[in-house]
PDB file of N, CA and C in Angstrom:
ATOM      1  N   MET A   1      26.446 -80.829   5.172  1.00  0.00           N
ATOM      2  CA  MET A   1      27.637 -80.236   5.771  1.00  0.00           C
ATOM      3  C   MET A   1      27.551 -80.355   7.289  1.00  0.00           C
ATOM      4  N   THR A   2      28.698 -80.526   7.910  1.00  0.00           N
ATOM      5  CA  THR A   2      28.713 -80.606   9.355  1.00  0.00           C
ATOM      6  C   THR A   2      28.622 -79.219   9.955  1.00  0.00           C
ATOM      7  N   HIS A   3      28.211 -79.189  11.204  1.00  0.00           N
ATOM      8  CA  HIS A   3      28.043 -77.916  11.908  1.00  0.00           C
ATOM      9  C   HIS A   3      29.376 -77.179  12.043  1.00  0.00           C
ATOM     10  N   SER A   4      30.448 -77.905  12.364  1.00  0.00           N
ATOM     11  CA  SER A   4      31.755 -77.261  12.536  1.00  0.00           C
ATOM     12  C   SER A   4      32.299 -76.741  11.205  1.00  0.00           C
ATOM     13  N   PHE A   5      32.046 -77.465  10.125  1.00  0.00           N
ATOM     14  CA  PHE A   5      32.481 -76.998   8.805  1.00  0.00           C
ATOM     15  C   PHE A   5      31.769 -75.701   8.443  1.00  0.00           C
ATOM     16  N   THR A   6      30.464 -75.638   8.714  1.00  0.00           N
ATOM     17  CA  THR A   6      29.695 -74.427   8.436  1.00  0.00           C
ATOM     18  C   THR A   6      30.235 -73.257   9.239  1.00  0.00           C
ATOM     19  N   ARG A   7      30.540 -73.482  10.509  1.00  0.00           N
ATOM     20  CA  ARG A   7      31.115 -72.427  11.348  1.00  0.00           C
ATOM     21  C   ARG A   7      32.444 -71.952  10.780  1.00  0.00           C
ATOM     22  N   THR A   8      33.271 -72.883  10.361  1.00  0.00           N
ATOM     23  CA  THR A   8      34.579 -72.542   9.823  1.00  0.00           C
ATOM     24  C   THR A   8      34.446 -71.700   8.559  1.00  0.00           C
ATOM     25  N   VAL A   9      33.538 -72.096   7.692  1.00  0.00           N
ATOM     26  CA  VAL A   9      33.324 -71.337   6.456  1.00  0.00           C
ATOM     27  C   VAL A   9      32.810 -69.942   6.776  1.00  0.00           C
ATOM     28  N   LEU A  10      31.841 -69.831   7.683  1.00  0.00           N
ATOM     29  CA  LEU A  10      31.312 -68.520   8.054  1.00  0.00           C
ATOM     30  C   LEU A  10      32.379 -67.646   8.703  1.00  0.00           C
ATOM     31  N   ALA A  11      33.184 -68.231   9.562  1.00  0.00           N
ATOM     32  CA  ALA A  11      34.260 -67.472  10.199  1.00  0.00           C
ATOM     33  C   ALA A  11      35.261 -66.987   9.162  1.00  0.00           C
ATOM     34  N   GLY A  12      35.586 -67.845   8.207  1.00  0.00           N
ATOM     35  CA  GLY A  12      36.510 -67.445   7.146  1.00  0.00           C
ATOM     36  C   GLY A  12      35.967 -66.291   6.315  1.00  0.00           C
ATOM     37  N   LEU A  13      34.690 -66.362   6.007  1.00  0.00           N
ATOM     38  CA  LEU A  13      34.068 -65.269   5.258  1.00  0.00           C
ATOM     39  C   LEU A  13      34.059 -63.983   6.068  1.00  0.00           C
ATOM     40  N   ALA A  14      33.803 -64.095   7.364  1.00  0.00           N
ATOM     41  CA  ALA A  14      33.804 -62.908   8.221  1.00  0.00           C
ATOM     42  C   ALA A  14      35.194 -62.280   8.267  1.00  0.00           C
ATOM     43  N   VAL A  15      36.224 -63.107   8.369  1.00  0.00           N
ATOM     44  CA  VAL A  15      37.593 -62.598   8.384  1.00  0.00           C
ATOM     45  C   VAL A  15      37.911 -61.905   7.063  1.00  0.00           C
ATOM     46  N   LEU A  16      37.546 -62.534   5.962  1.00  0.00           N
ATOM     47  CA  LEU A  16      37.797 -61.943   4.653  1.00  0.00           C
ATOM     48  C   LEU A  16      37.086 -60.606   4.511  1.00  0.00           C
ATOM     49  N   LEU A  17      35.833 -60.552   4.909  1.00  0.00           N
ATOM     50  CA  LEU A  17      35.074 -59.301   4.837  1.00  0.00           C
ATOM     51  C   LEU A  17      35.721 -58.240   5.708  1.00  0.00           C
ATOM     52  N   GLY A  18      36.127 -58.620   6.907  1.00  0.00           N
ATOM     53  CA  GLY A  18      36.778 -57.669   7.802  1.00  0.00           C
ATOM     54  C   GLY A  18      38.072 -57.137   7.237  1.00  0.00           C
ATOM     55  N   LEU A  19      38.863 -58.013   6.643  1.00  0.00           N
ATOM     56  CA  LEU A  19      40.134 -57.582   6.067  1.00  0.00           C
ATOM     57  C   LEU A  19      39.931 -56.678   4.860  1.00  0.00           C
ATOM     58  N   LEU A  20      38.962 -57.009   4.027  1.00  0.00           N
ATOM     59  CA  LEU A  20      38.687 -56.167   2.870  1.00  0.00           C
ATOM     60  C   LEU A  20      38.208 -54.792   3.299  1.00  0.00           C
ATOM     61  N   THR A  21      37.350 -54.757   4.294  1.00  0.00           N
ATOM     62  CA  THR A  21      36.827 -53.486   4.785  1.00  0.00           C
ATOM     63  C   THR A  21      37.922 -52.686   5.472  1.00  0.00           C
ATOM     64  N   ALA A  22      38.730 -53.364   6.276  1.00  0.00           N
ATOM     65  CA  ALA A  22      39.794 -52.669   7.003  1.00  0.00           C
ATOM     66  C   ALA A  22      40.825 -52.083   6.046  1.00  0.00           C
ATOM     67  N   GLY A  23      41.117 -52.761   4.970  1.00  0.00           N
ATOM     68  CA  GLY A  23      42.109 -52.276   4.029  1.00  0.00           C
ATOM     69  C   GLY A  23      41.664 -51.043   3.276  1.00  0.00           C
ATOM     70  N   SER A  24      40.358 -50.881   3.107  1.00  0.00           N
ATOM     71  CA  SER A  24      39.868 -49.752   2.337  1.00  0.00           C
ATOM     72  C   SER A  24      39.538 -48.538   3.194  1.00  0.00           C
ATOM     73  N   ALA A  25      39.494 -48.699   4.494  1.00  0.00           N
ATOM     74  CA  ALA A  25      39.118 -47.591   5.370  1.00  0.00           C
ATOM     75  C   ALA A  25      40.370 -46.834   5.816  1.00  0.00           C
ATOM     76  N   GLU A  26      40.210 -45.550   5.995  1.00  0.00           N
ATOM     77  CA  GLU A  26      41.326 -44.742   6.448  1.00  0.00           C
ATOM     78  C   GLU A  26      41.626 -45.050   7.906  1.00  0.00           C
ATOM     79  N   ALA A  27      42.881 -44.906   8.282  1.00  0.00           N
ATOM     80  CA  ALA A  27      43.332 -45.323   9.608  1.00  0.00           C
ATOM     81  C   ALA A  27      42.687 -44.518  10.734  1.00  0.00           C
ATOM     82  N   GLY A  28      42.541 -43.230  10.593  1.00  0.00           N
ATOM     83  CA  GLY A  28      42.083 -42.399  11.694  1.00  0.00           C
ATOM     84  C   GLY A  28      40.597 -42.115  11.713  1.00  0.00           C
ATOM     85  N   THR A  29      39.830 -42.706  10.836  1.00  0.00           N
ATOM     86  CA  THR A  29      38.416 -42.387  10.758  1.00  0.00           C
ATOM     87  C   THR A  29      37.588 -43.314  11.627  1.00  0.00           C
ATOM     88  N   VAL A  30      36.381 -42.876  11.910  1.00  0.00           N
ATOM     89  CA  VAL A  30      35.431 -43.709  12.638  1.00  0.00           C
ATOM     90  C   VAL A  30      35.184 -44.987  11.848  1.00  0.00           C
ATOM     91  N   ASP A  31      34.998 -44.854  10.545  1.00  0.00           N
ATOM     92  CA  ASP A  31      34.763 -46.035   9.711  1.00  0.00           C
ATOM     93  C   ASP A  31      35.943 -46.996   9.759  1.00  0.00           C
ATOM     94  N   GLY A  32      37.151 -46.455   9.787  1.00  0.00           N
ATOM     95  CA  GLY A  32      38.340 -47.292   9.874  1.00  0.00           C
ATOM     96  C   GLY A  32      38.394 -48.067  11.176  1.00  0.00           C
ATOM     97  N   ARG A  33      38.055 -47.393  12.271  1.00  0.00           N
ATOM     98  CA  ARG A  33      38.047 -48.078  13.566  1.00  0.00           C
ATOM     99  C   ARG A  33      36.985 -49.172  13.583  1.00  0.00           C
ATOM    100  N   GLN A  34      35.819 -48.874  13.025  1.00  0.00           N
ATOM    101  CA  GLN A  34      34.756 -49.880  12.990  1.00  0.00           C
ATOM    102  C   GLN A  34      35.194 -51.090  12.168  1.00  0.00           C
ATOM    103  N   ALA A  35      35.854 -50.839  11.061  1.00  0.00           N
ATOM    104  CA  ALA A  35      36.318 -51.936  10.203  1.00  0.00           C
ATOM    105  C   ALA A  35      37.348 -52.795  10.931  1.00  0.00           C
ATOM    106  N   ARG A  36      38.279 -52.146  11.629  1.00  0.00           N
ATOM    107  CA  ARG A  36      39.288 -52.912  12.368  1.00  0.00           C
ATOM    108  C   ARG A  36      38.654 -53.711  13.503  1.00  0.00           C
ATOM    109  N   GLN A  37      37.654 -53.151  14.145  1.00  0.00           N
ATOM    110  CA  GLN A  37      36.980 -53.885  15.215  1.00  0.00           C
ATOM    111  C   GLN A  37      36.210 -55.075  14.659  1.00  0.00           C
ATOM    112  N   GLN A  38      35.593 -54.908  13.507  1.00  0.00           N
ATOM    113  CA  GLN A  38      34.903 -56.040  12.880  1.00  0.00           C
ATOM    114  C   GLN A  38      35.900 -57.142  12.524  1.00  0.00           C
ATOM    115  N   ALA A  39      37.082 -56.740  12.068  1.00  0.00           N
ATOM    116  CA  ALA A  39      38.112 -57.729  11.749  1.00  0.00           C
ATOM    117  C   ALA A  39      38.561 -58.460  13.010  1.00  0.00           C
ATOM    118  N   ARG A  40      38.669 -57.753  14.127  1.00  0.00           N
ATOM    119  CA  ARG A  40      39.042 -58.392  15.394  1.00  0.00           C
ATOM    120  C   ARG A  40      37.974 -59.393  15.831  1.00  0.00           C
ATOM    121  N   ILE A  41      36.714 -59.022  15.690  1.00  0.00           N
ATOM    122  CA  ILE A  41      35.619 -59.940  16.029  1.00  0.00           C
ATOM    123  C   ILE A  41      35.695 -61.169  15.128  1.00  0.00           C
ATOM    124  N   ALA A  42      35.923 -60.945  13.839  1.00  0.00           N
ATOM    125  CA  ALA A  42      36.007 -62.058  12.886  1.00  0.00           C
ATOM    126  C   ALA A  42      37.158 -62.990  13.240  1.00  0.00           C
ATOM    127  N   ARG A  43      38.305 -62.428  13.640  1.00  0.00           N
ATOM    128  CA  ARG A  43      39.433 -63.271  14.045  1.00  0.00           C
ATOM    129  C   ARG A  43      39.097 -64.064  15.302  1.00  0.00           C
ATOM    130  N   GLY A  44      38.343 -63.450  16.216  1.00  0.00           N
ATOM    131  CA  GLY A  44      37.928 -64.157  17.428  1.00  0.00           C
ATOM    132  C   GLY A  44      37.004 -65.319  17.121  1.00  0.00           C
ATOM    133  N   ILE A  45      36.138 -65.131  16.131  1.00  0.00           N
ATOM    134  CA  ILE A  45      35.251 -66.216  15.699  1.00  0.00           C
ATOM    135  C   ILE A  45      36.082 -67.331  15.081  1.00  0.00           C
ATOM    136  N   ALA A  46      36.977 -66.956  14.185  1.00  0.00           N
ATOM    137  CA  ALA A  46      37.778 -67.943  13.465  1.00  0.00           C
ATOM    138  C   ALA A  46      38.672 -68.752  14.402  1.00  0.00           C
ATOM    139  N   SER A  47      39.198 -68.105  15.416  1.00  0.00           N
ATOM    140  CA  SER A  47      40.106 -68.802  16.329  1.00  0.00           C
ATOM    141  C   SER A  47      39.364 -69.566  17.417  1.00  0.00           C
ATOM    142  N   GLY A  48      38.082 -69.300  17.552  1.00  0.00           N
ATOM    143  CA  GLY A  48      37.308 -69.956  18.602  1.00  0.00           C
ATOM    144  C   GLY A  48      37.356 -69.206  19.923  1.00  0.00           C
ATOM    145  N   ALA A  49      38.011 -68.050  19.959  1.00  0.00           N
ATOM    146  CA  ALA A  49      38.135 -67.279  21.192  1.00  0.00           C
ATOM    147  C   ALA A  49      36.820 -66.637  21.610  1.00  0.00           C
ATOM    148  N   LEU A  50      35.897 -66.465  20.666  1.00  0.00           N
ATOM    149  CA  LEU A  50      34.590 -65.896  20.976  1.00  0.00           C
ATOM    150  C   LEU A  50      33.526 -66.976  20.882  1.00  0.00           C
ATOM    151  N   THR A  51      32.697 -67.042  21.908  1.00  0.00           N
ATOM    152  CA  THR A  51      31.558 -67.952  21.869  1.00  0.00           C
ATOM    153  C   THR A  51      30.461 -67.303  21.026  1.00  0.00           C
ATOM    154  N   PRO A  52      29.474 -68.067  20.595  1.00  0.00           N
ATOM    155  CA  PRO A  52      28.373 -67.467  19.830  1.00  0.00           C
ATOM    156  C   PRO A  52      27.654 -66.347  20.592  1.00  0.00           C
ATOM    157  N   LEU A  53      27.469 -66.525  21.894  1.00  0.00           N
ATOM    158  CA  LEU A  53      26.800 -65.492  22.682  1.00  0.00           C
ATOM    159  C   LEU A  53      27.652 -64.229  22.768  1.00  0.00           C
ATOM    160  N   GLU A  54      28.947 -64.381  22.996  1.00  0.00           N
ATOM    161  CA  GLU A  54      29.841 -63.223  23.041  1.00  0.00           C
ATOM    162  C   GLU A  54      29.847 -62.504  21.698  1.00  0.00           C
ATOM    163  N   THR A  55      29.890 -63.275  20.622  1.00  0.00           N
ATOM    164  CA  THR A  55      29.883 -62.692  19.286  1.00  0.00           C
ATOM    165  C   THR A  55      28.620 -61.889  19.055  1.00  0.00           C
ATOM    166  N   ALA A  56      27.483 -62.457  19.413  1.00  0.00           N
ATOM    167  CA  ALA A  56      26.206 -61.759  19.221  1.00  0.00           C
ATOM    168  C   ALA A  56      26.168 -60.444  19.999  1.00  0.00           C
ATOM    169  N   ARG A  57      26.645 -60.474  21.222  1.00  0.00           N
ATOM    170  CA  ARG A  57      26.659 -59.246  22.038  1.00  0.00           C
ATOM    171  C   ARG A  57      27.558 -58.183  21.427  1.00  0.00           C
ATOM    172  N   LEU A  58      28.755 -58.589  21.018  1.00  0.00           N
ATOM    173  CA  LEU A  58      29.682 -57.626  20.420  1.00  0.00           C
ATOM    174  C   LEU A  58      29.130 -57.067  19.109  1.00  0.00           C
ATOM    175  N   GLU A  59      28.519 -57.929  18.304  1.00  0.00           N
ATOM    176  CA  GLU A  59      27.931 -57.471  17.032  1.00  0.00           C
ATOM    177  C   GLU A  59      26.791 -56.494  17.271  1.00  0.00           C
ATOM    178  N   ARG A  60      25.983 -56.759  18.300  1.00  0.00           N
ATOM    179  CA  ARG A  60      24.886 -55.825  18.623  1.00  0.00           C
ATOM    180  C   ARG A  60      25.435 -54.463  19.021  1.00  0.00           C
ATOM    181  N   ARG A  61      26.495 -54.466  19.835  1.00  0.00           N
ATOM    182  CA  ARG A  61      27.098 -53.197  20.245  1.00  0.00           C
ATOM    183  C   ARG A  61      27.696 -52.463  19.050  1.00  0.00           C
ATOM    184  N   ALA A  62      28.355 -53.203  18.162  1.00  0.00           N
ATOM    185  CA  ALA A  62      28.936 -52.580  16.963  1.00  0.00           C
ATOM    186  C   ALA A  62      27.836 -51.998  16.083  1.00  0.00           C
ATOM    187  N   ALA A  63      26.727 -52.709  15.952  1.00  0.00           N
ATOM    188  CA  ALA A  63      25.613 -52.214  15.140  1.00  0.00           C
ATOM    189  C   ALA A  63      25.011 -50.953  15.756  1.00  0.00           C
ATOM    190  N   ALA A  64      24.948 -50.901  17.077  1.00  0.00           N
ATOM    191  CA  ALA A  64      24.415 -49.712  17.749  1.00  0.00           C
ATOM    192  C   ALA A  64      25.301 -48.497  17.486  1.00  0.00           C
ATOM    193  N   VAL A  65      26.606 -48.692  17.516  1.00  0.00           N
ATOM    194  CA  VAL A  65      27.533 -47.589  17.214  1.00  0.00           C
ATOM    195  C   VAL A  65      27.346 -47.139  15.767  1.00  0.00           C
ATOM    196  N   ALA A  66      27.201 -48.090  14.858  1.00  0.00           N
ATOM    197  CA  ALA A  66      27.012 -47.751  13.444  1.00  0.00           C
ATOM    198  C   ALA A  66      25.706 -46.982  13.233  1.00  0.00           C
ATOM    199  N   ARG A  67      24.643 -47.389  13.931  1.00  0.00           N
ATOM    200  CA  ARG A  67      23.366 -46.662  13.814  1.00  0.00           C
ATOM    201  C   ARG A  67      23.496 -45.241  14.350  1.00  0.00           C
ATOM    202  N   THR A  68      24.194 -45.096  15.474  1.00  0.00           N
ATOM    203  CA  THR A  68      24.404 -43.764  16.055  1.00  0.00           C
ATOM    204  C   THR A  68      25.193 -42.891  15.095  1.00  0.00           C
ATOM    205  N   GLU A  69      26.244 -43.465  14.505  1.00  0.00           N
ATOM    206  CA  GLU A  69      27.045 -42.703  13.546  1.00  0.00           C
ATOM    207  C   GLU A  69      26.200 -42.270  12.351  1.00  0.00           C
ATOM    208  N   ALA A  70      25.400 -43.179  11.835  1.00  0.00           N
ATOM    209  CA  ALA A  70      24.561 -42.854  10.672  1.00  0.00           C
ATOM    210  C   ALA A  70      23.590 -41.725  11.004  1.00  0.00           C
ATOM    211  N   ALA A  71      22.997 -41.767  12.188  1.00  0.00           N
ATOM    212  CA  ALA A  71      22.070 -40.711  12.597  1.00  0.00           C
ATOM    213  C   ALA A  71      22.793 -39.366  12.716  1.00  0.00           C
ATOM    214  N   MET A  72      23.998 -39.390  13.267  1.00  0.00           N
ATOM    215  CA  MET A  72      24.773 -38.148  13.406  1.00  0.00           C
ATOM    216  C   MET A  72      25.155 -37.594  12.041  1.00  0.00           C
ATOM    217  N   ARG A  73      25.531 -38.470  11.128  1.00  0.00           N
ATOM    218  CA  ARG A  73      25.919 -38.011   9.789  1.00  0.00           C
ATOM    219  C   ARG A  73      24.720 -37.450   9.016  1.00  0.00           C
ATOM    220  N   ARG A  74      23.544 -38.021   9.245  1.00  0.00           N
ATOM    221  CA  ARG A  74      22.336 -37.511   8.572  1.00  0.00           C
ATOM    222  C   ARG A  74      22.013 -36.085   8.991  1.00  0.00           C
ATOM    223  N   SER A  75      22.422 -35.732  10.201  1.00  0.00           N
ATOM    224  CA  SER A  75      22.121 -34.393  10.698  1.00  0.00           C
ATOM    225  C   SER A  75      23.140 -33.359  10.240  1.00  0.00           C
ATOM    226  N   GLY A  76      23.964 -33.685   9.265  1.00  0.00           N
ATOM    227  CA  GLY A  76      24.871 -32.699   8.697  1.00  0.00           C
ATOM    228  C   GLY A  76      26.341 -32.972   8.928  1.00  0.00           C
ATOM    229  N   GLY A  77      26.716 -34.191   9.129  1.00  0.00           N
ATOM    230  CA  GLY A  77      28.130 -34.507   9.338  1.00  0.00           C
ATOM    231  C   GLY A  77      28.450 -34.638  10.809  1.00  0.00           C
ATOM    232  N   LEU A  78      29.705 -34.967  11.103  1.00  0.00           N
ATOM    233  CA  LEU A  78      30.127 -35.154  12.485  1.00  0.00           C
ATOM    234  C   LEU A  78      30.784 -33.895  13.029  1.00  0.00           C
ATOM    235  N   SER A  79      30.219 -33.380  14.108  1.00  0.00           N
ATOM    236  CA  SER A  79      30.858 -32.271  14.799  1.00  0.00           C
ATOM    237  C   SER A  79      31.953 -32.845  15.687  1.00  0.00           C
ATOM    238  N   CYS A  80      32.756 -31.988  16.267  1.00  0.00           N
ATOM    239  CA  CYS A  80      33.815 -32.453  17.176  1.00  0.00           C
ATOM    240  C   CYS A  80      33.210 -33.195  18.361  1.00  0.00           C
ATOM    241  N   ARG A  81      32.114 -32.699  18.874  1.00  0.00           N
ATOM    242  CA  ARG A  81      31.458 -33.334  20.015  1.00  0.00           C
ATOM    243  C   ARG A  81      30.916 -34.714  19.633  1.00  0.00           C
ATOM    244  N   GLU A  82      30.302 -34.809  18.461  1.00  0.00           N
ATOM    245  CA  GLU A  82      29.766 -36.096  18.013  1.00  0.00           C
ATOM    246  C   GLU A  82      30.898 -37.101  17.776  1.00  0.00           C
ATOM    247  N   ARG A  83      31.992 -36.635  17.210  1.00  0.00           N
ATOM    248  CA  ARG A  83      33.147 -37.499  16.994  1.00  0.00           C
ATOM    249  C   ARG A  83      33.668 -38.024  18.334  1.00  0.00           C
ATOM    250  N   ALA A  84      33.685 -37.142  19.350  1.00  0.00           N
ATOM    251  CA  ALA A  84      34.151 -37.554  20.679  1.00  0.00           C
ATOM    252  C   ALA A  84      33.222 -38.616  21.274  1.00  0.00           C
ATOM    253  N   VAL A  85      31.921 -38.452  21.077  1.00  0.00           N
ATOM    254  CA  VAL A  85      30.956 -39.443  21.564  1.00  0.00           C
ATOM    255  C   VAL A  85      31.218 -40.789  20.893  1.00  0.00           C
ATOM    256  N   LEU A  86      31.373 -40.773  19.576  1.00  0.00           N
ATOM    257  CA  LEU A  86      31.640 -42.012  18.843  1.00  0.00           C
ATOM    258  C   LEU A  86      32.972 -42.634  19.273  1.00  0.00           C
ATOM    259  N   ASP A  87      33.993 -41.809  19.480  1.00  0.00           N
ATOM    260  CA  ASP A  87      35.291 -42.327  19.916  1.00  0.00           C
ATOM    261  C   ASP A  87      35.176 -43.031  21.267  1.00  0.00           C
ATOM    262  N   ARG A  88      34.422 -42.452  22.194  1.00  0.00           N
ATOM    263  CA  ARG A  88      34.236 -43.090  23.503  1.00  0.00           C
ATOM    264  C   ARG A  88      33.517 -44.427  23.362  1.00  0.00           C
ATOM    265  N   ARG A  89      32.496 -44.464  22.523  1.00  0.00           N
ATOM    266  CA  ARG A  89      31.763 -45.718  22.329  1.00  0.00           C
ATOM    267  C   ARG A  89      32.638 -46.774  21.654  1.00  0.00           C
ATOM    268  N   LEU A  90      33.442 -46.341  20.705  1.00  0.00           N
ATOM    269  CA  LEU A  90      34.356 -47.273  20.044  1.00  0.00           C
ATOM    270  C   LEU A  90      35.455 -47.749  21.004  1.00  0.00           C
ATOM    271  N   ASP A  91      35.914 -46.859  21.898  1.00  0.00           N
ATOM    272  CA  ASP A  91      36.885 -47.266  22.916  1.00  0.00           C
ATOM    273  C   ASP A  91      36.285 -48.346  23.814  1.00  0.00           C
ATOM    274  N   SER A  92      35.035 -48.138  24.221  1.00  0.00           N
ATOM    275  CA  SER A  92      34.354 -49.102  25.080  1.00  0.00           C
ATOM    276  C   SER A  92      34.177 -50.442  24.370  1.00  0.00           C
ATOM    277  N   LEU A  93      33.780 -50.389  23.115  1.00  0.00           N
ATOM    278  CA  LEU A  93      33.609 -51.618  22.340  1.00  0.00           C
ATOM    279  C   LEU A  93      34.950 -52.325  22.158  1.00  0.00           C
ATOM    280  N   SER A  94      36.000 -51.570  21.902  1.00  0.00           N
ATOM    281  CA  SER A  94      37.323 -52.160  21.733  1.00  0.00           C
ATOM    282  C   SER A  94      37.752 -52.893  23.006  1.00  0.00           C
ATOM    283  N   ALA A  95      37.509 -52.286  24.155  1.00  0.00           N
ATOM    284  CA  ALA A  95      37.843 -52.930  25.430  1.00  0.00           C
ATOM    285  C   ALA A  95      37.032 -54.208  25.614  1.00  0.00           C
ATOM    286  N   ALA A  96      35.756 -54.164  25.234  1.00  0.00           N
ATOM    287  CA  ALA A  96      34.905 -55.353  25.365  1.00  0.00           C
ATOM    288  C   ALA A  96      35.393 -56.476  24.462  1.00  0.00           C
ATOM    289  N   ILE A  97      35.830 -56.133  23.265  1.00  0.00           N
ATOM    290  CA  ILE A  97      36.360 -57.151  22.350  1.00  0.00           C
ATOM    291  C   ILE A  97      37.595 -57.801  22.968  1.00  0.00           C
ATOM    292  N   ARG A  98      38.461 -56.983  23.535  1.00  0.00           N
ATOM    293  CA  ARG A  98      39.670 -57.523  24.148  1.00  0.00           C
ATOM    294  C   ARG A  98      39.324 -58.444  25.312  1.00  0.00           C
ATOM    295  N   VAL A  99      38.438 -57.998  26.189  1.00  0.00           N
ATOM    296  CA  VAL A  99      38.056 -58.815  27.348  1.00  0.00           C
ATOM    297  C   VAL A  99      37.457 -60.143  26.890  1.00  0.00           C
ATOM    298  N   GLN A 100      36.539 -60.095  25.944  1.00  0.00           N
ATOM    299  CA  GLN A 100      35.847 -61.308  25.512  1.00  0.00           C
ATOM    300  C   GLN A 100      36.764 -62.273  24.762  1.00  0.00           C
ATOM    301  N   THR A 101      37.726 -61.752  24.012  1.00  0.00           N
ATOM    302  CA  THR A 101      38.613 -62.660  23.278  1.00  0.00           C
ATOM    303  C   THR A 101      39.709 -63.232  24.160  1.00  0.00           C
ATOM    304  N   HIS A 102      39.927 -62.652  25.345  1.00  0.00           N
ATOM    305  CA  HIS A 102      40.978 -63.134  26.228  1.00  0.00           C
ATOM    306  C   HIS A 102      40.446 -63.704  27.539  1.00  0.00           C
ATOM    307  N   ASP A 103      39.152 -63.981  27.619  1.00  0.00           N
ATOM    308  CA  ASP A 103      38.568 -64.433  28.892  1.00  0.00           C
ATOM    309  C   ASP A 103      38.674 -65.932  29.119  1.00  0.00           C
ATOM    310  N   GLY A 104      39.246 -66.645  28.184  1.00  0.00           N
ATOM    311  CA  GLY A 104      39.453 -68.079  28.362  1.00  0.00           C
ATOM    312  C   GLY A 104      38.272 -68.950  27.968  1.00  0.00           C
ATOM    313  N   GLN A 105      37.123 -68.336  27.681  1.00  0.00           N
ATOM    314  CA  GLN A 105      36.001 -69.124  27.203  1.00  0.00           C
ATOM    315  C   GLN A 105      36.250 -69.437  25.727  1.00  0.00           C
ATOM    316  N   ARG A 106      35.958 -70.647  25.339  1.00  0.00           N
ATOM    317  CA  ARG A 106      36.206 -71.066  23.965  1.00  0.00           C
ATOM    318  C   ARG A 106      34.914 -71.558  23.348  1.00  0.00           C
ATOM    319  N   ARG A 107      34.808 -71.399  22.038  1.00  0.00           N
ATOM    320  CA  ARG A 107      33.680 -71.956  21.301  1.00  0.00           C
ATOM    321  C   ARG A 107      33.808 -73.478  21.350  1.00  0.00           C
ATOM    322  N   ARG A 108      32.720 -74.146  21.490  1.00  0.00           N
ATOM    323  CA  ARG A 108      32.732 -75.615  21.574  1.00  0.00           C
ATOM    324  C   ARG A 108      32.619 -76.231  20.225  1.00  0.00           C
TER     325      ARG A 108
END
C-alpha cells in the first residue's frame, strides 16, 4: 500500500470513530465536547488541514484532558469546580484545534 493511501484510510477511520462517538454523547457533557473535538481533529486529518506534528500535539492535549477527567471522576464524580476546570481546558483545546486547522499549513 502507498503511504498516502494508508493515511487516507486512517483518516477515514478516525472520522468514522469521531462521528460514532459524537452521535452517542450528550450535547452538554464533558464527554460530548471531547467527542466533538475528536471529530474535528479527525476532519482536519482527513482534509489535510492538520500536519502530523499538529495532530500529535492536539491528541496529546486531548489525552491529558481525558486523564484529568478520569482522575476527577475517580474521586467521586465532578464537582462544579472540577467541571469548570475541565470546561476551561476544553475551551483552550478547542481554540487550539481552530488555530491549527486554519493556519494554512497543509499535510504533504
